[in-house]
Protein backbone atom coordinates (compact mmCIF):
# COMPACT_ATOMS: atom_id res chain seq x y z
CA MET A 1 -25.56 16.17 -18.35
CA PHE A 2 -27.84 14.14 -16.17
CA CYS A 3 -30.79 13.59 -18.36
CA PHE A 4 -32.18 11.31 -21.17
CA THR A 5 -32.52 11.86 -24.80
CA ARG A 6 -35.37 10.89 -26.52
CA ALA A 7 -33.69 7.62 -27.77
CA ALA A 8 -32.37 6.95 -24.34
CA MET A 9 -35.75 7.35 -22.66
CA LEU A 10 -37.41 5.00 -25.12
CA THR A 11 -34.67 2.44 -24.33
CA ASN A 12 -34.62 2.93 -20.58
CA MET A 13 -38.28 3.81 -19.75
CA SER A 14 -39.97 2.11 -22.40
CA GLN A 15 -43.38 3.84 -22.32
CA HIS A 16 -42.47 6.10 -19.50
CA ALA A 17 -43.20 9.92 -19.81
CA GLU A 18 -40.23 11.80 -21.31
CA ILE A 19 -38.31 14.40 -19.34
CA PRO A 20 -37.09 17.49 -21.48
CA PRO A 21 -33.42 17.08 -22.14
CA LEU A 22 -31.13 19.81 -20.74
CA THR A 23 -28.20 21.30 -22.61
CA TRP A 24 -24.99 22.66 -21.47
CA SER A 25 -25.89 26.30 -21.68
CA ASP A 26 -29.26 25.49 -19.59
CA LEU A 27 -26.80 25.16 -16.48
CA GLY A 28 -25.78 28.72 -16.73
CA VAL A 29 -22.18 27.34 -16.61
CA GLY A 30 -20.24 28.52 -19.64
CA ASP A 31 -16.40 28.19 -18.22
CA LEU A 32 -14.00 25.71 -19.24
CA LEU A 33 -13.44 22.77 -16.98
CA PRO A 34 -11.06 23.10 -13.97
CA THR A 35 -7.56 21.62 -14.75
CA GLY A 36 -4.68 20.74 -12.92
CA THR A 37 -5.37 18.99 -9.58
CA VAL A 38 -9.24 18.69 -9.36
CA THR A 39 -11.65 17.08 -7.20
CA LEU A 40 -14.14 14.89 -9.08
CA LEU A 41 -17.62 13.86 -7.93
CA LEU A 42 -19.06 10.76 -9.80
CA ALA A 43 -22.54 9.58 -9.02
CA ASP A 44 -25.16 6.87 -10.28
CA VAL A 45 -28.56 5.61 -9.08
CA GLU A 46 -28.55 2.36 -7.42
CA GLY A 47 -31.09 -0.20 -9.11
CA SER A 48 -32.28 2.37 -11.48
CA THR A 49 -33.43 -0.29 -13.95
CA ARG A 50 -35.35 -2.20 -11.38
CA LEU A 51 -36.99 0.94 -10.18
CA TRP A 52 -38.01 1.99 -13.59
CA GLU A 53 -39.61 -1.46 -14.17
CA THR A 54 -41.42 -1.35 -10.77
CA GLN A 55 -42.05 2.25 -9.90
CA PRO A 56 -42.11 4.13 -13.34
CA GLU A 57 -44.40 7.13 -12.09
CA LYS A 58 -42.23 7.63 -8.82
CA MET A 59 -39.10 7.52 -10.80
CA THR A 60 -40.30 10.02 -13.37
CA ILE A 61 -40.90 12.48 -10.57
CA ALA A 62 -37.81 11.57 -8.76
CA LEU A 63 -35.49 11.93 -11.91
CA ALA A 64 -37.10 15.41 -12.55
CA GLU A 65 -36.08 16.41 -8.80
CA LEU A 66 -32.69 14.84 -9.11
CA ASN A 67 -32.12 16.89 -12.32
CA ARG A 68 -33.22 20.28 -10.49
CA ALA A 69 -31.05 19.38 -7.35
CA VAL A 70 -27.79 18.62 -9.37
CA ASP A 71 -28.44 21.69 -11.36
CA GLN A 72 -28.54 23.76 -8.54
CA ALA A 73 -26.08 22.11 -6.14
CA VAL A 74 -23.25 21.80 -8.70
CA PRO A 75 -22.71 25.56 -9.53
CA ALA A 76 -23.89 26.61 -6.10
CA PHE A 77 -20.62 24.81 -4.73
CA GLY A 78 -18.41 26.18 -7.46
CA GLY A 79 -18.44 22.89 -9.64
CA VAL A 80 -18.53 22.48 -13.43
CA ARG A 81 -20.25 19.56 -15.26
CA PRO A 82 -18.57 17.96 -18.58
CA VAL A 83 -20.76 17.86 -21.64
CA GLU A 84 -21.04 14.10 -21.29
CA GLN A 85 -22.28 12.98 -18.03
CA GLY A 86 -21.83 9.20 -18.32
CA GLU A 87 -24.16 6.74 -19.35
CA GLY A 88 -27.92 6.11 -18.27
CA ASP A 89 -28.40 7.46 -14.72
CA SER A 90 -24.84 8.57 -13.74
CA PHE A 91 -23.25 12.07 -13.81
CA VAL A 92 -19.93 13.86 -13.27
CA ALA A 93 -18.88 17.09 -11.67
CA ALA A 94 -15.50 18.78 -11.19
CA PHE A 95 -14.35 21.06 -8.39
CA ALA A 96 -11.40 23.29 -7.81
CA ARG A 97 -11.61 22.73 -4.07
CA ALA A 98 -12.17 19.28 -2.39
CA SER A 99 -14.25 21.00 0.30
CA ASP A 100 -16.63 22.29 -2.10
CA ALA A 101 -17.06 18.91 -3.69
CA VAL A 102 -17.87 17.29 -0.14
CA ALA A 103 -20.29 20.01 0.57
CA CYS A 104 -22.06 19.33 -2.57
CA ALA A 105 -22.07 15.68 -2.13
CA LEU A 106 -23.70 16.07 1.24
CA ALA A 107 -26.26 18.33 -0.15
CA LEU A 108 -27.27 15.77 -2.84
CA GLN A 109 -27.58 13.06 -0.29
CA ARG A 110 -29.76 15.27 1.92
CA ALA A 111 -32.21 16.11 -1.04
CA PRO A 112 -35.54 14.37 -1.03
CA LEU A 113 -35.08 11.77 -3.98
CA ALA A 114 -36.83 8.86 -2.90
CA PRO A 115 -37.08 6.24 -4.37
CA ILE A 116 -33.63 7.17 -5.85
CA LYS A 117 -30.68 6.54 -3.87
CA LEU A 118 -27.28 8.15 -4.93
CA ARG A 119 -23.95 6.32 -5.00
CA LEU A 120 -21.19 9.13 -4.72
CA GLY A 121 -17.52 8.66 -5.33
CA LEU A 122 -15.14 11.71 -4.63
CA HIS A 123 -11.41 11.54 -5.59
CA THR A 124 -8.64 14.36 -6.10
CA GLY A 125 -5.88 13.93 -8.80
CA GLU A 126 -4.40 15.54 -11.73
CA VAL A 127 -6.84 15.50 -14.56
CA GLN A 128 -6.36 15.11 -18.39
CA LEU A 129 -8.69 17.02 -21.03
CA ARG A 130 -9.86 14.71 -23.82
CA ASP A 131 -11.14 18.20 -25.21
CA ASP A 132 -12.63 21.44 -23.92
CA ALA A 133 -15.50 19.86 -22.06
CA ASN A 134 -14.58 16.23 -21.03
CA TYR A 135 -12.03 14.47 -18.97
CA ALA A 136 -10.27 11.34 -19.49
CA GLY A 137 -7.37 9.49 -17.96
CA PRO A 138 -6.55 7.51 -14.48
CA THR A 139 -8.04 10.18 -12.18
CA ILE A 140 -11.71 9.73 -13.43
CA ASN A 141 -11.21 6.03 -13.80
CA ARG A 142 -10.18 5.74 -10.10
CA THR A 143 -13.09 7.94 -9.23
CA ALA A 144 -15.64 5.84 -10.86
CA ARG A 145 -14.06 2.46 -9.46
CA LEU A 146 -14.42 4.22 -5.96
CA ARG A 147 -18.22 5.04 -6.58
CA ASP A 148 -18.75 1.49 -7.51
CA LEU A 149 -17.58 0.15 -4.09
CA GLY A 150 -20.51 1.89 -2.42
CA HIS A 151 -24.36 1.31 -1.89
CA GLY A 152 -27.27 3.71 -2.49
CA GLY A 153 -27.18 6.58 -0.01
CA GLN A 154 -23.29 6.24 0.60
CA THR A 155 -20.75 8.75 -0.26
CA LEU A 156 -17.13 7.49 -0.55
CA LEU A 157 -13.88 9.51 -0.60
CA SER A 158 -10.54 8.60 -1.46
CA GLY A 159 -7.55 8.87 0.98
CA VAL A 160 -6.27 11.68 -1.12
CA THR A 161 -9.46 13.71 -0.71
CA GLU A 162 -9.92 12.92 2.99
CA SER A 163 -6.47 14.57 3.90
CA LEU A 164 -7.67 17.59 2.09
CA VAL A 165 -11.10 17.92 3.61
CA ALA A 166 -10.66 16.56 7.18
CA ASP A 167 -10.34 20.05 8.75
CA ARG A 168 -13.08 21.65 6.44
CA LEU A 169 -16.04 19.30 6.73
CA PRO A 170 -19.75 20.68 6.42
CA ASP A 171 -21.37 21.47 9.86
CA GLY A 172 -22.23 18.07 11.73
CA ALA A 173 -20.32 16.12 9.13
CA TRP A 174 -17.58 13.52 10.13
CA LEU A 175 -15.60 10.81 8.26
CA ALA A 176 -15.59 7.04 8.97
CA ASP A 177 -12.31 5.15 7.86
CA LEU A 178 -13.43 2.01 5.91
CA GLY A 179 -9.95 0.58 5.28
CA SER A 180 -7.98 0.05 2.12
CA TYR A 181 -9.27 -2.20 -0.78
CA PRO A 182 -8.55 -2.98 -4.44
CA LEU A 183 -10.07 -1.25 -7.26
CA ARG A 184 -11.15 -3.30 -10.46
CA ASP A 185 -8.54 -3.15 -13.13
CA LEU A 186 -6.34 -0.82 -11.24
CA PRO A 187 -2.78 -1.66 -9.86
CA ARG A 188 -2.91 0.35 -6.42
CA PRO A 189 -5.62 -0.35 -3.76
CA GLU A 190 -7.42 2.81 -2.42
CA ARG A 191 -8.00 3.85 1.24
CA VAL A 192 -11.67 4.37 1.50
CA VAL A 193 -13.38 6.91 3.70
CA GLN A 194 -17.22 7.52 4.06
CA LEU A 195 -18.82 10.84 4.60
CA CYS A 196 -21.35 10.74 7.53
CA HIS A 197 -24.04 13.25 8.77
CA PRO A 198 -27.02 12.79 11.13
CA ASP A 199 -29.36 13.74 8.23
CA VAL A 200 -28.35 10.92 5.93
CA CYS A 201 -27.89 7.08 6.43
CA ASN A 202 -24.43 6.18 7.84
CA GLU A 203 -24.85 2.36 8.25
CA PHE A 204 -24.36 0.13 5.08
CA PRO A 205 -23.40 -3.47 4.11
CA PRO A 206 -19.80 -4.08 3.39
CA LEU A 207 -18.40 -2.47 0.34
CA ARG A 208 -18.93 -4.11 -3.07
CA VAL A 209 -15.42 -5.68 -3.27
CA ARG A 210 -15.16 -8.79 -5.43
CA THR A 211 -12.14 -10.28 -3.43
CA VAL A 212 -11.07 -8.96 -0.19
CA VAL A 213 -7.30 -8.58 -0.45
CA VAL A 214 -4.99 -7.09 2.38
CA SER A 215 -3.20 -4.58 0.77
CA HIS A 216 0.78 -4.49 1.03
CA ASN A 217 3.95 -3.55 -0.63
CA LEU A 218 6.23 -6.23 0.23
CA PRO A 219 9.28 -6.53 -2.05
CA ALA A 220 8.93 -9.49 -4.25
CA GLN A 221 11.34 -12.26 -3.52
CA LEU A 222 12.96 -14.15 -6.46
CA THR A 223 14.46 -17.01 -4.49
CA SER A 224 13.10 -19.49 -2.22
CA PHE A 225 13.08 -18.97 1.51
CA VAL A 226 15.12 -21.95 3.28
CA GLY A 227 14.87 -23.05 6.77
CA ARG A 228 13.84 -20.83 9.81
CA GLN A 229 10.65 -22.74 10.41
CA ALA A 230 10.97 -22.93 14.21
CA GLU A 231 12.01 -19.13 14.02
CA MET A 232 9.03 -18.18 11.86
CA ALA A 233 6.65 -20.08 14.50
CA GLU A 234 8.15 -18.25 17.28
CA LEU A 235 8.17 -14.76 15.77
CA GLN A 236 4.42 -14.99 14.71
CA SER A 237 3.57 -15.52 18.28
CA LEU A 238 5.70 -12.78 19.45
CA VAL A 239 4.30 -10.42 16.80
CA ALA A 240 0.64 -11.16 17.74
CA ASP A 241 1.59 -10.49 21.30
CA ASN A 242 3.91 -7.36 21.38
CA ARG A 243 3.24 -4.21 19.27
CA LEU A 244 7.12 -3.60 18.83
CA VAL A 245 9.40 -6.39 17.75
CA THR A 246 13.07 -5.55 16.57
CA LEU A 247 15.11 -8.30 14.58
CA THR A 248 18.51 -7.73 15.58
CA GLY A 249 21.95 -9.24 14.35
CA ALA A 250 24.91 -8.54 12.34
CA GLY A 251 24.88 -7.73 8.61
CA GLY A 252 24.26 -10.52 6.46
CA ALA A 253 22.21 -12.45 9.33
CA GLY A 254 19.13 -12.56 7.10
CA LYS A 255 17.06 -9.76 9.11
CA THR A 256 15.32 -8.44 6.08
CA ARG A 257 14.60 -11.47 4.27
CA LEU A 258 13.18 -13.14 7.84
CA ALA A 259 11.00 -9.99 8.25
CA VAL A 260 9.56 -10.09 4.84
CA GLU A 261 8.71 -13.78 5.01
CA LEU A 262 7.45 -13.30 8.42
CA THR A 263 5.21 -10.42 7.42
CA ALA A 264 3.83 -12.42 4.39
CA GLN A 265 2.63 -15.21 6.72
CA VAL A 266 0.85 -12.69 9.13
CA LEU A 267 -0.72 -10.50 6.55
CA GLY A 268 -4.25 -11.90 7.51
CA GLU A 269 -3.88 -10.62 11.05
CA PHE A 270 -3.83 -6.99 9.91
CA GLY A 271 -6.94 -6.14 8.09
CA ASP A 272 -6.16 -2.61 7.20
CA GLY A 273 -2.94 -3.68 5.58
CA VAL A 274 0.83 -3.91 5.86
CA TRP A 275 3.57 -1.18 4.91
CA TYR A 276 7.21 -2.06 4.25
CA VAL A 277 9.80 0.77 4.40
CA ASP A 278 13.37 0.30 3.29
CA LEU A 279 15.54 3.11 5.51
CA ALA A 280 18.98 1.83 4.26
CA PRO A 281 19.34 4.53 1.64
CA ILE A 282 18.80 7.27 4.16
CA THR A 283 21.74 9.27 4.96
CA ILE A 284 20.14 12.26 6.57
CA PRO A 285 18.03 11.27 9.97
CA ASP A 286 15.50 14.17 9.71
CA VAL A 287 14.53 12.67 6.25
CA MET A 288 13.45 9.34 7.85
CA PRO A 289 9.91 10.36 8.78
CA VAL A 290 9.40 11.95 5.39
CA THR A 291 10.42 8.70 3.56
CA VAL A 292 7.72 6.56 5.82
CA ALA A 293 5.14 9.26 4.55
CA ARG A 294 6.30 9.02 0.90
CA THR A 295 6.16 5.25 0.92
CA LEU A 296 2.73 5.43 2.23
CA GLY A 297 1.63 7.95 -0.69
CA LEU A 298 0.74 10.81 1.71
CA PRO A 299 1.39 14.07 0.39
CA ASP A 300 2.42 17.22 2.09
CA GLN A 301 -0.21 19.39 3.82
CA PRO A 302 0.33 23.26 4.64
CA GLY A 303 0.31 23.57 8.56
CA ARG A 304 0.54 19.90 9.32
CA SER A 305 3.86 18.19 10.33
CA THR A 306 4.98 14.96 8.80
CA MET A 307 4.42 13.25 12.12
CA GLU A 308 0.69 14.48 12.27
CA LEU A 309 0.13 13.21 8.83
CA LEU A 310 1.45 9.58 9.83
CA VAL A 311 -0.78 9.64 12.93
CA ARG A 312 -3.80 10.69 10.99
CA PHE A 313 -2.99 7.75 8.43
CA PHE A 314 -2.76 5.15 10.93
CA GLY A 315 -5.16 6.23 13.38
CA GLU A 316 -7.35 3.50 14.53
CA LYS A 317 -6.35 1.07 11.66
CA THR A 318 -5.21 -2.48 12.56
CA MET A 319 -1.93 -2.21 10.43
CA LEU A 320 1.55 -3.48 10.55
CA LEU A 321 4.47 -1.12 9.66
CA VAL A 322 7.89 -2.91 8.81
CA LEU A 323 10.82 -0.45 9.30
CA ASP A 324 13.92 -2.29 7.71
CA ASN A 325 17.29 -1.35 8.38
CA CYS A 326 17.16 1.03 11.33
CA GLU A 327 20.75 0.91 12.73
CA HIS A 328 21.97 4.13 11.50
CA LEU A 329 18.92 5.79 12.57
CA LEU A 330 18.25 4.44 15.97
CA ASP A 331 17.44 8.05 17.67
CA VAL A 332 14.99 9.13 15.01
CA CYS A 333 13.37 5.43 14.61
CA GLY A 334 13.00 5.37 18.26
CA SER A 335 11.16 8.47 18.35
CA LEU A 336 8.93 7.72 15.57
CA VAL A 337 8.15 4.36 16.86
CA VAL A 338 7.12 5.78 20.26
CA GLU A 339 4.97 8.54 19.00
CA LEU A 340 2.92 6.24 16.57
CA LEU A 341 2.47 3.55 19.11
CA ALA A 342 1.23 5.83 21.65
CA ALA A 343 -1.19 7.56 19.25
CA CYS A 344 -2.27 4.62 17.20
CA PRO A 345 -3.63 1.69 19.48
CA HIS A 346 -4.00 -0.71 16.73
CA LEU A 347 -0.54 -0.20 15.18
CA THR A 348 2.11 -3.15 15.18
CA ILE A 349 5.83 -2.31 14.33
CA LEU A 350 8.31 -4.86 13.08
CA ALA A 351 11.99 -3.16 12.71
CA THR A 352 15.19 -4.73 11.89
CA SER A 353 18.37 -3.38 13.07
CA ARG A 354 21.73 -4.34 13.97
CA GLU A 355 21.22 -3.29 17.48
CA PRO A 356 18.01 -2.72 19.41
CA LEU A 357 16.17 0.64 19.08
CA GLY A 358 16.23 0.90 22.93
CA VAL A 359 12.58 2.10 23.42
CA PRO A 360 10.30 1.35 26.05
CA GLY A 361 7.92 -1.84 25.06
CA GLU A 362 10.46 -3.15 22.51
CA LEU A 363 10.97 -6.82 22.41
CA SER A 364 14.55 -7.61 20.85
CA TRP A 365 14.94 -10.74 18.83
CA ARG A 366 18.34 -11.75 17.73
CA VAL A 367 18.45 -13.57 14.38
CA PRO A 368 20.53 -16.74 14.69
CA SER A 369 23.00 -18.01 12.10
CA LEU A 370 21.63 -21.17 10.14
CA PRO A 371 22.32 -24.58 11.74
CA LEU A 372 25.04 -26.08 9.78
CA ALA A 373 23.80 -29.54 9.91
CA ASP A 374 21.03 -29.10 7.45
CA GLN A 375 19.67 -25.63 6.85
CA ALA A 376 22.94 -24.15 5.95
CA ILE A 377 23.83 -26.76 3.48
CA GLU A 378 20.24 -26.53 2.00
CA LEU A 379 20.81 -22.93 1.47
CA PHE A 380 24.07 -23.35 -0.24
CA ALA A 381 22.78 -26.28 -2.55
CA ASP A 382 19.56 -24.14 -3.59
CA ARG A 383 21.66 -21.06 -4.43
CA ALA A 384 24.44 -22.91 -6.14
CA ARG A 385 21.84 -24.81 -8.49
CA ARG A 386 20.99 -21.35 -9.57
CA ALA A 387 24.44 -20.79 -10.72
CA ARG A 388 25.02 -24.39 -12.09
CA PRO A 389 21.85 -26.20 -12.56
CA ASN A 390 23.23 -29.55 -12.44
CA PHE A 391 25.07 -28.98 -9.10
CA VAL A 392 24.02 -31.59 -6.42
CA VAL A 393 25.03 -32.26 -2.81
CA GLY A 394 25.74 -35.83 -2.26
CA GLU A 395 27.86 -38.27 -0.41
CA ASP A 396 30.91 -37.25 -2.15
CA ASN A 397 30.79 -33.45 -1.39
CA THR A 398 28.34 -33.06 1.56
CA GLU A 399 31.64 -32.76 3.88
CA LEU A 400 33.06 -30.04 1.78
CA VAL A 401 29.70 -28.05 1.65
CA ARG A 402 29.45 -28.20 5.54
CA GLU A 403 32.90 -27.21 6.01
CA ILE A 404 32.45 -24.22 3.69
CA CYS A 405 29.13 -23.24 5.56
CA GLU A 406 30.98 -23.73 9.04
CA ARG A 407 33.66 -21.52 7.70
CA LEU A 408 31.20 -18.96 6.96
CA ASP A 409 29.62 -19.48 10.30
CA GLY A 410 26.32 -20.13 8.92
CA ILE A 411 25.79 -16.63 7.74
CA PRO A 412 23.15 -16.63 4.91
CA LEU A 413 24.52 -13.72 2.91
CA ALA A 414 28.18 -15.29 3.03
CA ILE A 415 26.72 -18.67 1.99
CA GLU A 416 24.73 -17.11 -0.87
CA LEU A 417 27.86 -15.36 -2.27
CA ASP A 418 29.97 -18.41 -2.05
CA ALA A 419 27.25 -20.72 -3.53
CA ALA A 420 27.11 -18.49 -6.58
CA ARG A 421 30.78 -19.16 -7.35
CA VAL A 422 30.44 -22.91 -8.29
CA ARG A 423 29.81 -21.90 -11.80
CA ALA A 424 33.55 -20.81 -12.15
CA LEU A 425 35.38 -22.78 -9.19
CA SER A 426 35.14 -26.25 -7.62
CA LEU A 427 34.34 -26.77 -4.18
CA PRO A 428 37.99 -27.37 -3.02
CA GLN A 429 38.78 -24.14 -4.50
CA ILE A 430 36.15 -22.28 -2.92
CA LEU A 431 36.95 -23.36 0.42
CA GLY A 432 40.62 -22.66 -0.10
CA SER A 433 39.98 -19.25 -1.12
CA LEU A 434 37.79 -18.16 1.89
CA PRO A 435 39.53 -15.44 3.94
CA CYS A 436 39.94 -16.58 7.61
CA PRO A 437 37.55 -14.47 9.77
CA GLY A 438 40.36 -13.98 12.45
CA GLY A 439 39.73 -12.29 15.71
CA VAL A 440 35.96 -13.14 15.38
CA GLU A 441 34.40 -15.78 17.82
CA SER A 442 32.50 -18.31 15.78
CA GLY A 443 28.67 -18.45 16.55
CA ASN A 444 28.58 -15.22 18.34
CA LEU A 445 30.27 -12.52 15.68
CA ARG A 446 30.80 -9.14 16.71
CA VAL A 447 29.08 -6.49 14.49
CA ASP A 448 32.44 -4.96 13.40
CA GLY A 449 33.92 -8.35 12.78
CA ARG A 450 30.99 -9.53 10.77
CA ARG A 451 30.83 -6.52 8.81
CA GLN A 452 34.78 -6.91 8.00
CA PHE A 453 34.49 -10.49 7.10
CA LEU A 454 31.47 -9.91 4.54
CA GLY A 455 33.51 -6.93 3.25
CA ALA A 456 36.34 -9.10 2.55
CA MET A 457 33.91 -11.65 0.75
CA ILE A 458 32.31 -9.10 -1.25
CA GLU A 459 36.05 -7.82 -2.13
CA LEU A 460 37.13 -11.32 -3.07
CA LEU A 461 34.04 -11.96 -5.34
CA GLN A 462 34.09 -8.57 -6.95
CA PRO A 463 36.62 -9.55 -9.95
CA VAL A 464 34.31 -12.54 -10.40
CA ARG A 465 31.15 -10.55 -10.84
CA GLU A 466 32.90 -8.08 -13.11
CA ARG A 467 34.44 -10.89 -15.29
CA ASP A 468 31.56 -13.06 -15.77
CA GLN A 469 28.55 -11.27 -14.01
CA LEU A 470 27.77 -14.35 -12.32
CA VAL A 471 25.50 -13.09 -9.48
CA ASP A 472 23.83 -9.95 -8.48
CA ILE A 473 25.95 -9.54 -5.37
CA ASP A 474 24.46 -6.18 -4.36
CA GLY A 475 20.83 -7.75 -4.79
CA ILE A 476 21.56 -10.54 -2.60
CA ALA A 477 23.35 -8.21 0.16
CA ALA A 478 20.15 -6.11 0.37
CA CYS A 479 18.30 -9.10 1.30
CA HIS A 480 20.46 -10.07 4.24
CA ARG A 481 21.24 -6.82 5.97
């Protein structure tokens, strides 16, 4: 209930006049709180302590007017208020329909409440009841954190709520996308949208974010990134100048790892965030767009296709979308990329595939093998030390390591697999056990030949993995597709 008890009034208002406290029954709302998926509206008064100190008479009148406005607006739009309305100058309302919550928020912002300015936050999610008359749990916490980003007079919606009300806004209202931001004490950043209307203020300072962090979902890397300095520099320039860049190469060439490291380097260039989507597990092409939408956290919406959801999500945002392992989904990936780039002018896409997508505007860049003279040896040494910490590449074994890397044609995945074997085998044994990649030209391996060669390597190491569990071969392979 948005009101002060006698004790609270004495604490917050000192000698100011009291306002009679309201009770739950005074609202005329006796129903239980809505449950399931609910839209919550959380509000508070900006700078209320300062206002009470500097303008006590005006605040007394304004607070009474706010109480009346809230008492009328919430039930008028189908809302219900919990018994506890927060502390001091905050209050909560719950709505079964997101559009009703937005209409109520606009009505409150349009009410003549000066000098009071409300900060409103709206978020939709599954709610938990602490009892019959109060909410608890992550949904109300996220709503509160969203509200805390705003300024007095500003109404902020979460991305979930925006998707539900985009076509059901009050007359004259529109939404302004403010980007994605971290929320205090919460693990997942939130996409923030502002409710705008000609009758309210629409221009505000930047959101109250403690530290601006570009959101991303890049997979964590547990090993160091070796070499590729020249390639990284070239690719950063290419991504800056081209909206579609595809890293190509045979399996094991290091496309995924290079794409992830490159993306981490250019995060700051994409203010609205970076999204990584692994397409390797997909076996049905039609599922590909849905997988992208699910990765972005977009729920299904009746009457709207998955592609429409994606276009609305990216919209005018400056974002980078990484599509990893496209080779078995070339047609559907190509169609999705073309449509997104045409509809979203500030979207950049980085793809990895064993062959180009073959669409207009694509810049295809083939990932080379590691140079045998230095980077290949450095990678072998680094990964070998993870299997045998005292392993060192010195004058006595440099030639053996170089020959192993040469036999493996500088392929990062093959080098990592063989380096992991130093715990059980000597370098001469590793070299002698290598299958010969016959029929495959060194330095320019065909896709089928490379796949056959790596398959032989993995088959060779299978007994080692089963016996000694020396290395997560599947994990290594996933980083070098």
